[in-house]
Structure formats: structure tokens, C-alpha cells
Amino acid sequence: MKFLVSPTRENLTRSRPPVRIFLGFSLLLLLAMAAQRVVEGELTPSGVQERYLGSGDPSDAMPLSALVESLHVSAFVYGFLLLVLGSLLVVSPVNESLRRWLTFGGAAACAFDLATPWLVVALRGGAEMRVASFVLAAGFMVGSVFVLARTFGRDPV
């Protein structure tokens, strides 16, 4: 991470290959999250409804421990990706508006995705919100990865 402290041309050039490997790893993390959501039925409103609210009987809803576990996994992945991708965006020759949009928009989308399981349970509905929040958060993360793959280590334009 020397290039974050001293982003000289030499440091950025030397760090480009490992950063590209990390960006590939980031995409794999996001694919794994998407696969987990598919397996758990969380990419369709009906699947979300059934997973979090059960058959409609309050005793059939997802237990608190499962909600906390879901939050823990997503918070770890999102937090890790936001920290590293945001740090890389700072030293990349990216338009300031785009950098802010990807960084703050991504953080807001991830926070929204972390809140939606709780909102679905509290509101006893809103499954579409859960699906949309994941698509939005993943979209920001994937967008950041692609912007970084094109710009990291290059001279400012």
C-alpha cells in the first residue's frame, strides 16, 4: 500500500499488476454474494418475502439471529470492498465527480442494502426494496472495479 502514501509514477506502475489481481478478486466476492442471494432466494421479491416473513404468520418469520448473521457477512464484504476500492479511487486519475459518485453513492447503496432485511421485517413487506438494494450496491461496486481497471496507475489526463 506504499502507493497510497507516496503515489509516485514508479510506485503506481509497480503496483498495477497486484491491484488488477485484487480487482479480479473483488469481482469474485461480488459474484459469490450474488450466488448466495440466488441460493437463498433473495433475488426475487417472492423469495425475499418467503425468506424473511415466512408464510405470513409472525412466528414463521426469520429469527433475529439469522438477520444478524446476514448483516454480519454483508457488512464485512461491503466494508472491505468500500475501504479498498475507495482508497484506490483516491490515487487514480478519475474525474472528481465520478470518484465522489462511486465512493459516496456506493457507501449509501451498501448501507441501504444492509438495512433492507430489517426494513422488510419491520414493514412486513417491501421485498422489491431488498432486491433493488442489492442490485444497486453491487452495481456501484462493479462500476468502481471497472473504472479502476481502466485508470489505476495511469497518468492523469
N, C-alpha and C. Protein backbone atom coordinates (compact mmCIF):
# COMPACT_ATOMS: atom_id res chain seq x y z
N MET A 1 0.81 -1.20 0.00
CA MET A 1 0.00 0.00 0.00
C MET A 1 0.86 1.27 0.00
N LYS A 2 2.14 1.09 -0.31
CA LYS A 2 3.05 2.24 -0.36
C LYS A 2 2.55 3.29 -1.34
N PHE A 3 1.91 2.86 -2.42
CA PHE A 3 1.44 3.81 -3.43
C PHE A 3 0.36 4.73 -2.91
N LEU A 4 -0.31 4.37 -1.83
CA LEU A 4 -1.32 5.26 -1.25
C LEU A 4 -0.66 6.40 -0.48
N VAL A 5 0.50 6.10 0.13
CA VAL A 5 1.21 7.11 0.91
C VAL A 5 2.08 7.97 -0.02
N SER A 6 2.68 7.32 -0.99
CA SER A 6 3.58 8.01 -1.91
C SER A 6 3.24 7.57 -3.34
N PRO A 7 2.20 8.18 -3.93
CA PRO A 7 1.75 7.73 -5.26
C PRO A 7 2.64 8.25 -6.40
N THR A 8 3.93 7.86 -6.36
CA THR A 8 4.82 8.26 -7.45
C THR A 8 4.54 7.38 -8.67
N ARG A 9 5.01 7.83 -9.82
CA ARG A 9 4.80 7.08 -11.07
C ARG A 9 5.36 5.66 -10.94
N GLU A 10 6.56 5.54 -10.36
CA GLU A 10 7.18 4.21 -10.21
C GLU A 10 6.36 3.30 -9.30
N ASN A 11 5.91 3.84 -8.17
CA ASN A 11 5.10 3.04 -7.24
C ASN A 11 3.79 2.59 -7.88
N LEU A 12 3.15 3.50 -8.61
CA LEU A 12 1.89 3.15 -9.26
C LEU A 12 2.09 2.12 -10.35
N THR A 13 3.17 2.23 -11.12
CA THR A 13 3.45 1.27 -12.18
C THR A 13 3.72 -0.11 -11.58
N ARG A 14 4.51 -0.17 -10.52
CA ARG A 14 4.83 -1.45 -9.88
C ARG A 14 3.61 -2.08 -9.22
N SER A 15 2.69 -1.27 -8.76
CA SER A 15 1.53 -1.82 -8.04
C SER A 15 0.38 -2.20 -8.97
N ARG A 16 0.45 -1.85 -10.25
CA ARG A 16 -0.65 -2.13 -11.17
C ARG A 16 -1.01 -3.63 -11.24
N PRO A 17 -0.05 -4.55 -11.43
CA PRO A 17 -0.44 -5.98 -11.51
C PRO A 17 -1.12 -6.52 -10.25
N PRO A 18 -0.60 -6.27 -9.04
CA PRO A 18 -1.33 -6.79 -7.87
C PRO A 18 -2.69 -6.14 -7.68
N VAL A 19 -2.81 -4.88 -8.05
CA VAL A 19 -4.11 -4.21 -7.94
C VAL A 19 -5.10 -4.85 -8.90
N ARG A 20 -4.66 -5.18 -10.10
CA ARG A 20 -5.56 -5.85 -11.06
C ARG A 20 -5.99 -7.22 -10.53
N ILE A 21 -5.08 -7.93 -9.88
CA ILE A 21 -5.45 -9.22 -9.26
C ILE A 21 -6.51 -8.98 -8.18
N PHE A 22 -6.31 -7.94 -7.36
CA PHE A 22 -7.29 -7.62 -6.33
C PHE A 22 -8.64 -7.27 -6.95
N LEU A 23 -8.63 -6.53 -8.05
CA LEU A 23 -9.89 -6.17 -8.69
C LEU A 23 -10.63 -7.42 -9.18
N GLY A 24 -9.89 -8.39 -9.71
CA GLY A 24 -10.50 -9.67 -10.09
C GLY A 24 -11.08 -10.38 -8.87
N PHE A 25 -10.35 -10.34 -7.76
CA PHE A 25 -10.84 -10.94 -6.51
C PHE A 25 -12.11 -10.22 -6.05
N SER A 26 -12.16 -8.92 -6.22
CA SER A 26 -13.35 -8.15 -5.83
C SER A 26 -14.57 -8.62 -6.62
N LEU A 27 -14.38 -8.83 -7.91
CA LEU A 27 -15.48 -9.33 -8.74
C LEU A 27 -15.92 -10.71 -8.28
N LEU A 28 -14.95 -11.56 -7.90
CA LEU A 28 -15.32 -12.89 -7.38
C LEU A 28 -16.11 -12.79 -6.08
N LEU A 29 -15.74 -11.86 -5.21
CA LEU A 29 -16.51 -11.65 -3.97
C LEU A 29 -17.94 -11.25 -4.28
N LEU A 30 -18.10 -10.34 -5.23
CA LEU A 30 -19.45 -9.89 -5.60
C LEU A 30 -20.25 -11.01 -6.27
N LEU A 31 -19.59 -11.82 -7.08
CA LEU A 31 -20.27 -12.97 -7.68
C LEU A 31 -20.69 -13.97 -6.61
N ALA A 32 -19.83 -14.17 -5.61
CA ALA A 32 -20.18 -15.08 -4.52
C ALA A 32 -21.37 -14.56 -3.73
N MET A 33 -21.41 -13.24 -3.50
CA MET A 33 -22.57 -12.66 -2.81
C MET A 33 -23.84 -12.85 -3.63
N ALA A 34 -23.73 -12.63 -4.94
CA ALA A 34 -24.90 -12.82 -5.81
C ALA A 34 -25.34 -14.27 -5.81
N ALA A 35 -24.38 -15.19 -5.86
CA ALA A 35 -24.72 -16.62 -5.83
C ALA A 35 -25.41 -16.99 -4.52
N GLN A 36 -24.92 -16.43 -3.42
CA GLN A 36 -25.55 -16.68 -2.12
C GLN A 36 -26.99 -16.16 -2.12
N ARG A 37 -27.20 -14.99 -2.69
CA ARG A 37 -28.56 -14.44 -2.74
C ARG A 37 -29.46 -15.31 -3.63
N VAL A 38 -28.92 -15.84 -4.73
CA VAL A 38 -29.71 -16.72 -5.59
C VAL A 38 -30.10 -17.98 -4.83
N VAL A 39 -29.14 -18.60 -4.16
CA VAL A 39 -29.39 -19.84 -3.42
C VAL A 39 -30.42 -19.60 -2.32
N GLU A 40 -30.37 -18.46 -1.67
CA GLU A 40 -31.30 -18.15 -0.59
C GLU A 40 -32.62 -17.56 -1.10
N GLY A 41 -32.74 -17.43 -2.41
CA GLY A 41 -33.98 -16.90 -2.98
C GLY A 41 -34.17 -15.41 -2.79
N GLU A 42 -33.06 -14.68 -2.64
CA GLU A 42 -33.17 -13.25 -2.34
C GLU A 42 -33.06 -12.34 -3.55
N LEU A 43 -33.13 -12.88 -4.75
CA LEU A 43 -33.10 -12.02 -5.91
C LEU A 43 -34.44 -11.94 -6.62
N THR A 44 -35.48 -12.42 -5.95
CA THR A 44 -36.84 -12.23 -6.44
C THR A 44 -37.69 -11.75 -5.26
N PRO A 45 -38.65 -10.87 -5.51
CA PRO A 45 -39.49 -10.39 -4.41
C PRO A 45 -40.20 -11.52 -3.66
N SER A 46 -40.69 -12.51 -4.39
CA SER A 46 -41.39 -13.61 -3.70
C SER A 46 -40.43 -14.41 -2.83
N GLY A 47 -39.18 -14.59 -3.30
CA GLY A 47 -38.19 -15.29 -2.49
C GLY A 47 -37.82 -14.53 -1.24
N VAL A 48 -37.68 -13.21 -1.37
CA VAL A 48 -37.38 -12.37 -0.21
C VAL A 48 -38.52 -12.42 0.79
N GLN A 49 -39.73 -12.31 0.28
CA GLN A 49 -40.92 -12.34 1.14
C GLN A 49 -40.95 -13.63 1.96
N GLU A 50 -40.73 -14.74 1.27
CA GLU A 50 -40.77 -16.05 1.95
C GLU A 50 -39.62 -16.20 2.92
N ARG A 51 -38.43 -15.76 2.53
CA ARG A 51 -37.25 -15.92 3.39
C ARG A 51 -37.37 -15.12 4.68
N TYR A 52 -37.82 -13.87 4.59
CA TYR A 52 -37.84 -13.01 5.76
C TYR A 52 -39.15 -13.07 6.55
N LEU A 53 -40.24 -13.27 5.85
CA LEU A 53 -41.54 -13.22 6.53
C LEU A 53 -42.22 -14.58 6.64
N GLY A 54 -41.67 -15.58 5.97
CA GLY A 54 -42.27 -16.90 6.04
C GLY A 54 -43.62 -16.93 5.35
N SER A 55 -44.51 -17.69 5.90
CA SER A 55 -45.84 -17.87 5.30
C SER A 55 -46.81 -16.75 5.67
N GLY A 56 -46.36 -15.79 6.42
CA GLY A 56 -47.25 -14.70 6.83
C GLY A 56 -47.53 -14.72 8.32
N ASP A 57 -47.35 -15.85 8.95
CA ASP A 57 -47.52 -15.97 10.40
C ASP A 57 -46.28 -15.38 11.07
N PRO A 58 -46.45 -14.45 12.01
CA PRO A 58 -45.29 -13.82 12.65
C PRO A 58 -44.32 -14.82 13.28
N SER A 59 -44.80 -15.95 13.73
CA SER A 59 -43.90 -16.95 14.32
C SER A 59 -43.07 -17.66 13.25
N ASP A 60 -43.44 -17.49 11.99
CA ASP A 60 -42.75 -18.13 10.88
C ASP A 60 -41.67 -17.23 10.28
N ALA A 61 -41.54 -16.00 10.77
CA ALA A 61 -40.57 -15.04 10.23
C ALA A 61 -39.15 -15.46 10.59
N MET A 62 -38.20 -14.90 9.88
CA MET A 62 -36.78 -15.20 10.11
C MET A 62 -36.40 -14.78 11.53
N PRO A 63 -35.71 -15.64 12.26
CA PRO A 63 -35.30 -15.29 13.62
C PRO A 63 -34.24 -14.18 13.63
N LEU A 64 -34.18 -13.47 14.74
CA LEU A 64 -33.25 -12.37 14.90
C LEU A 64 -31.81 -12.81 14.65
N SER A 65 -31.43 -13.98 15.13
CA SER A 65 -30.05 -14.45 14.95
C SER A 65 -29.69 -14.59 13.47
N ALA A 66 -30.62 -15.04 12.65
CA ALA A 66 -30.36 -15.18 11.22
C ALA A 66 -30.25 -13.80 10.55
N LEU A 67 -31.04 -12.84 11.01
CA LEU A 67 -30.92 -11.47 10.49
C LEU A 67 -29.55 -10.87 10.81
N VAL A 68 -29.11 -11.09 12.03
CA VAL A 68 -27.81 -10.56 12.45
C VAL A 68 -26.69 -11.24 11.67
N GLU A 69 -26.79 -12.54 11.45
CA GLU A 69 -25.78 -13.26 10.68
C GLU A 69 -25.71 -12.74 9.24
N SER A 70 -26.86 -12.50 8.65
CA SER A 70 -26.92 -11.96 7.29
C SER A 70 -26.26 -10.59 7.24
N LEU A 71 -26.54 -9.76 8.22
CA LEU A 71 -25.95 -8.43 8.29
C LEU A 71 -24.43 -8.53 8.44
N HIS A 72 -23.96 -9.44 9.27
CA HIS A 72 -22.54 -9.58 9.55
C HIS A 72 -21.75 -9.91 8.29
N VAL A 73 -22.20 -10.86 7.52
CA VAL A 73 -21.49 -11.26 6.30
C VAL A 73 -21.46 -10.12 5.29
N SER A 74 -22.60 -9.52 5.05
CA SER A 74 -22.67 -8.44 4.07
C SER A 74 -21.87 -7.22 4.52
N ALA A 75 -21.94 -6.89 5.79
CA ALA A 75 -21.21 -5.73 6.30
C ALA A 75 -19.71 -5.93 6.16
N PHE A 76 -19.24 -7.14 6.38
CA PHE A 76 -17.82 -7.42 6.24
C PHE A 76 -17.37 -7.26 4.79
N VAL A 77 -18.10 -7.87 3.87
CA VAL A 77 -17.72 -7.80 2.45
C VAL A 77 -17.82 -6.37 1.94
N TYR A 78 -18.94 -5.70 2.20
CA TYR A 78 -19.11 -4.33 1.74
C TYR A 78 -18.06 -3.40 2.35
N GLY A 79 -17.84 -3.53 3.64
CA GLY A 79 -16.86 -2.67 4.31
C GLY A 79 -15.47 -2.84 3.73
N PHE A 80 -15.08 -4.08 3.51
CA PHE A 80 -13.77 -4.37 2.94
C PHE A 80 -13.65 -3.77 1.54
N LEU A 81 -14.64 -4.02 0.71
CA LEU A 81 -14.59 -3.52 -0.66
C LEU A 81 -14.64 -2.00 -0.72
N LEU A 82 -15.50 -1.38 0.09
CA LEU A 82 -15.58 0.08 0.08
C LEU A 82 -14.26 0.72 0.52
N LEU A 83 -13.63 0.15 1.53
CA LEU A 83 -12.37 0.70 2.02
C LEU A 83 -11.30 0.62 0.94
N VAL A 84 -11.13 -0.55 0.36
CA VAL A 84 -10.04 -0.71 -0.61
C VAL A 84 -10.35 -0.02 -1.94
N LEU A 85 -11.55 -0.21 -2.46
CA LEU A 85 -11.88 0.44 -3.73
C LEU A 85 -11.84 1.96 -3.59
N GLY A 86 -12.36 2.48 -2.48
CA GLY A 86 -12.32 3.93 -2.25
C GLY A 86 -10.89 4.44 -2.15
N SER A 87 -10.02 3.69 -1.49
CA SER A 87 -8.61 4.08 -1.38
C SER A 87 -7.94 4.10 -2.75
N LEU A 88 -8.25 3.12 -3.57
CA LEU A 88 -7.67 3.07 -4.92
C LEU A 88 -8.21 4.20 -5.79
N LEU A 89 -9.47 4.53 -5.63
CA LEU A 89 -10.04 5.63 -6.41
C LEU A 89 -9.35 6.96 -6.10
N VAL A 90 -8.91 7.12 -4.85
CA VAL A 90 -8.25 8.37 -4.45
C VAL A 90 -6.96 8.60 -5.23
N VAL A 91 -6.21 7.53 -5.53
CA VAL A 91 -4.93 7.69 -6.22
C VAL A 91 -5.03 7.40 -7.72
N SER A 92 -6.25 7.29 -8.22
CA SER A 92 -6.44 7.05 -9.65
C SER A 92 -6.82 8.34 -10.35
N PRO A 93 -6.43 8.47 -11.62
CA PRO A 93 -6.78 9.66 -12.37
C PRO A 93 -8.24 9.60 -12.85
N VAL A 94 -9.12 9.78 -11.89
CA VAL A 94 -10.57 9.71 -12.15
C VAL A 94 -11.15 11.09 -11.91
N ASN A 95 -12.08 11.49 -12.74
CA ASN A 95 -12.79 12.74 -12.58
C ASN A 95 -13.33 12.83 -11.14
N GLU A 96 -13.16 13.97 -10.52
CA GLU A 96 -13.56 14.14 -9.11
C GLU A 96 -15.05 13.84 -8.89
N SER A 97 -15.89 14.24 -9.80
CA SER A 97 -17.33 13.97 -9.66
C SER A 97 -17.62 12.48 -9.71
N LEU A 98 -16.95 11.77 -10.63
CA LEU A 98 -17.13 10.32 -10.73
C LEU A 98 -16.62 9.63 -9.47
N ARG A 99 -15.46 10.08 -8.98
CA ARG A 99 -14.88 9.50 -7.77
C ARG A 99 -15.86 9.65 -6.59
N ARG A 100 -16.40 10.84 -6.43
CA ARG A 100 -17.35 11.06 -5.33
C ARG A 100 -18.62 10.24 -5.51
N TRP A 101 -19.12 10.19 -6.74
CA TRP A 101 -20.33 9.42 -7.03
C TRP A 101 -20.12 7.94 -6.69
N LEU A 102 -18.99 7.38 -7.14
CA LEU A 102 -18.73 5.96 -6.87
C LEU A 102 -18.49 5.71 -5.38
N THR A 103 -17.77 6.60 -4.73
CA THR A 103 -17.43 6.39 -3.32
C THR A 103 -18.65 6.59 -2.41
N PHE A 104 -19.28 7.75 -2.51
CA PHE A 104 -20.39 8.04 -1.60
C PHE A 104 -21.68 7.35 -2.03
N GLY A 105 -21.90 7.27 -3.32
CA GLY A 105 -23.07 6.52 -3.81
C GLY A 105 -22.96 5.05 -3.46
N GLY A 106 -21.76 4.51 -3.61
CA GLY A 106 -21.54 3.11 -3.24
C GLY A 106 -21.75 2.87 -1.75
N ALA A 107 -21.24 3.77 -0.93
CA ALA A 107 -21.42 3.63 0.52
C ALA A 107 -22.90 3.71 0.90
N ALA A 108 -23.62 4.65 0.29
CA ALA A 108 -25.05 4.79 0.58
C ALA A 108 -25.83 3.56 0.11
N ALA A 109 -25.50 3.06 -1.08
CA ALA A 109 -26.19 1.88 -1.60
C ALA A 109 -25.92 0.66 -0.73
N CYS A 110 -24.69 0.52 -0.27
CA CYS A 110 -24.35 -0.62 0.61
C CYS A 110 -25.07 -0.49 1.96
N ALA A 111 -25.11 0.71 2.51
CA ALA A 111 -25.82 0.92 3.78
C ALA A 111 -27.30 0.61 3.61
N PHE A 112 -27.86 1.01 2.48
CA PHE A 112 -29.27 0.71 2.20
C PHE A 112 -29.49 -0.79 2.11
N ASP A 113 -28.57 -1.49 1.44
CA ASP A 113 -28.70 -2.95 1.32
C ASP A 113 -28.58 -3.63 2.68
N LEU A 114 -27.75 -3.09 3.55
CA LEU A 114 -27.61 -3.65 4.89
C LEU A 114 -28.87 -3.42 5.73
N ALA A 115 -29.58 -2.34 5.45
CA ALA A 115 -30.78 -2.01 6.22
C ALA A 115 -32.03 -2.73 5.72
N THR A 116 -32.04 -3.14 4.46
CA THR A 116 -33.29 -3.66 3.89
C THR A 116 -33.83 -4.93 4.54
N PRO A 117 -33.00 -5.87 5.01
CA PRO A 117 -33.63 -7.02 5.69
C PRO A 117 -34.45 -6.59 6.90
N TRP A 118 -33.91 -5.63 7.64
CA TRP A 118 -34.60 -5.13 8.82
C TRP A 118 -35.87 -4.39 8.43
N LEU A 119 -35.79 -3.62 7.34
CA LEU A 119 -36.97 -2.90 6.86
C LEU A 119 -38.06 -3.84 6.38
N VAL A 120 -37.68 -4.89 5.68
CA VAL A 120 -38.66 -5.88 5.20
C VAL A 120 -39.40 -6.49 6.38
N VAL A 121 -38.67 -6.85 7.42
CA VAL A 121 -39.28 -7.45 8.60
C VAL A 121 -40.14 -6.42 9.34
N ALA A 122 -39.61 -5.21 9.53
CA ALA A 122 -40.35 -4.18 10.27
C ALA A 122 -41.62 -3.75 9.54
N LEU A 123 -41.53 -3.65 8.21
CA LEU A 123 -42.68 -3.20 7.43
C LEU A 123 -43.61 -4.34 7.03
N ARG A 124 -43.16 -5.55 7.28
CA ARG A 124 -43.90 -6.77 6.87
C ARG A 124 -44.16 -6.73 5.36
N GLY A 125 -43.17 -6.26 4.62
CA GLY A 125 -43.28 -6.16 3.16
C GLY A 125 -42.11 -5.38 2.61
N GLY A 126 -42.20 -5.04 1.34
CA GLY A 126 -41.13 -4.28 0.70
C GLY A 126 -40.02 -5.15 0.15
N ALA A 127 -40.37 -6.35 -0.27
CA ALA A 127 -39.37 -7.28 -0.78
C ALA A 127 -38.65 -6.74 -2.01
N GLU A 128 -39.35 -5.97 -2.83
CA GLU A 128 -38.74 -5.38 -4.02
C GLU A 128 -37.58 -4.47 -3.64
N MET A 129 -37.72 -3.82 -2.51
CA MET A 129 -36.68 -2.93 -2.00
C MET A 129 -35.40 -3.73 -1.72
N ARG A 130 -35.54 -4.93 -1.20
CA ARG A 130 -34.38 -5.78 -0.89
C ARG A 130 -33.66 -6.18 -2.18
N VAL A 131 -34.40 -6.56 -3.19
CA VAL A 131 -33.79 -6.95 -4.46
C VAL A 131 -33.10 -5.74 -5.09
N ALA A 132 -33.79 -4.61 -5.12
CA ALA A 132 -33.23 -3.40 -5.74
C ALA A 132 -32.00 -2.90 -5.00
N SER A 133 -31.98 -3.01 -3.68
CA SER A 133 -30.83 -2.51 -2.92
C SER A 133 -29.57 -3.32 -3.23
N PHE A 134 -29.72 -4.62 -3.42
CA PHE A 134 -28.55 -5.43 -3.76
C PHE A 134 -28.06 -5.10 -5.16
N VAL A 135 -28.97 -4.98 -6.10
CA VAL A 135 -28.58 -4.64 -7.48
C VAL A 135 -27.87 -3.30 -7.50
N LEU A 136 -28.38 -2.34 -6.76
CA LEU A 136 -27.77 -1.01 -6.70
C LEU A 136 -26.37 -1.07 -6.07
N ALA A 137 -26.25 -1.73 -4.91
CA ALA A 137 -24.95 -1.82 -4.23
C ALA A 137 -23.93 -2.56 -5.08
N ALA A 138 -24.33 -3.69 -5.65
CA ALA A 138 -23.42 -4.46 -6.49
C ALA A 138 -23.04 -3.65 -7.73
N GLY A 139 -23.99 -2.91 -8.27
CA GLY A 139 -23.70 -2.08 -9.43
C GLY A 139 -22.64 -1.03 -9.15
N PHE A 140 -22.73 -0.38 -8.00
CA PHE A 140 -21.71 0.60 -7.63
C PHE A 140 -20.35 -0.06 -7.46
N MET A 141 -20.32 -1.21 -6.82
CA MET A 141 -19.05 -1.91 -6.62
C MET A 141 -18.43 -2.35 -7.95
N VAL A 142 -19.24 -2.95 -8.81
CA VAL A 142 -18.75 -3.39 -10.12
C VAL A 142 -18.30 -2.18 -10.94
N GLY A 143 -19.06 -1.10 -10.88
CA GLY A 143 -18.67 0.12 -11.57
C GLY A 143 -17.32 0.63 -11.10
N SER A 144 -17.09 0.61 -9.80
CA SER A 144 -15.80 1.03 -9.25
C SER A 144 -14.67 0.14 -9.75
N VAL A 145 -14.92 -1.17 -9.77
CA VAL A 145 -13.90 -2.11 -10.25
C VAL A 145 -13.54 -1.80 -11.70
N PHE A 146 -14.53 -1.60 -12.55
CA PHE A 146 -14.24 -1.34 -13.96
C PHE A 146 -13.55 0.00 -14.17
N VAL A 147 -13.95 1.02 -13.43
CA VAL A 147 -13.27 2.31 -13.55
C VAL A 147 -11.81 2.17 -13.12
N LEU A 148 -11.57 1.46 -12.03
CA LEU A 148 -10.20 1.27 -11.55
C LEU A 148 -9.37 0.43 -12.51
N ALA A 149 -9.98 -0.58 -13.10
CA ALA A 149 -9.24 -1.42 -14.04
C ALA A 149 -8.75 -0.60 -15.23
N ARG A 150 -9.51 0.40 -15.60
CA ARG A 150 -9.14 1.25 -16.75
C ARG A 150 -8.19 2.38 -16.38
N THR A 151 -8.22 2.83 -15.13
CA THR A 151 -7.49 4.05 -14.80
C THR A 151 -6.35 3.89 -13.81
N PHE A 152 -6.35 2.89 -12.96
CA PHE A 152 -5.35 2.81 -11.89
C PHE A 152 -3.93 2.73 -12.47
N GLY A 153 -3.05 3.56 -11.93
CA GLY A 153 -1.65 3.53 -12.32
C GLY A 153 -1.34 4.32 -13.57
N ARG A 154 -2.31 4.95 -14.15
CA ARG A 154 -2.10 5.74 -15.37
C ARG A 154 -1.87 7.20 -15.00
N ASP A 155 -1.25 7.89 -15.91
CA ASP A 155 -1.03 9.33 -15.71
C ASP A 155 -2.36 10.06 -15.81
N PRO A 156 -2.51 11.14 -15.06
CA PRO A 156 -3.74 11.94 -15.16
C PRO A 156 -3.92 12.47 -16.58
N VAL A 157 -5.17 12.55 -17.00
CA VAL A 157 -5.46 13.03 -18.35
C VAL A 157 -5.62 14.53 -18.34
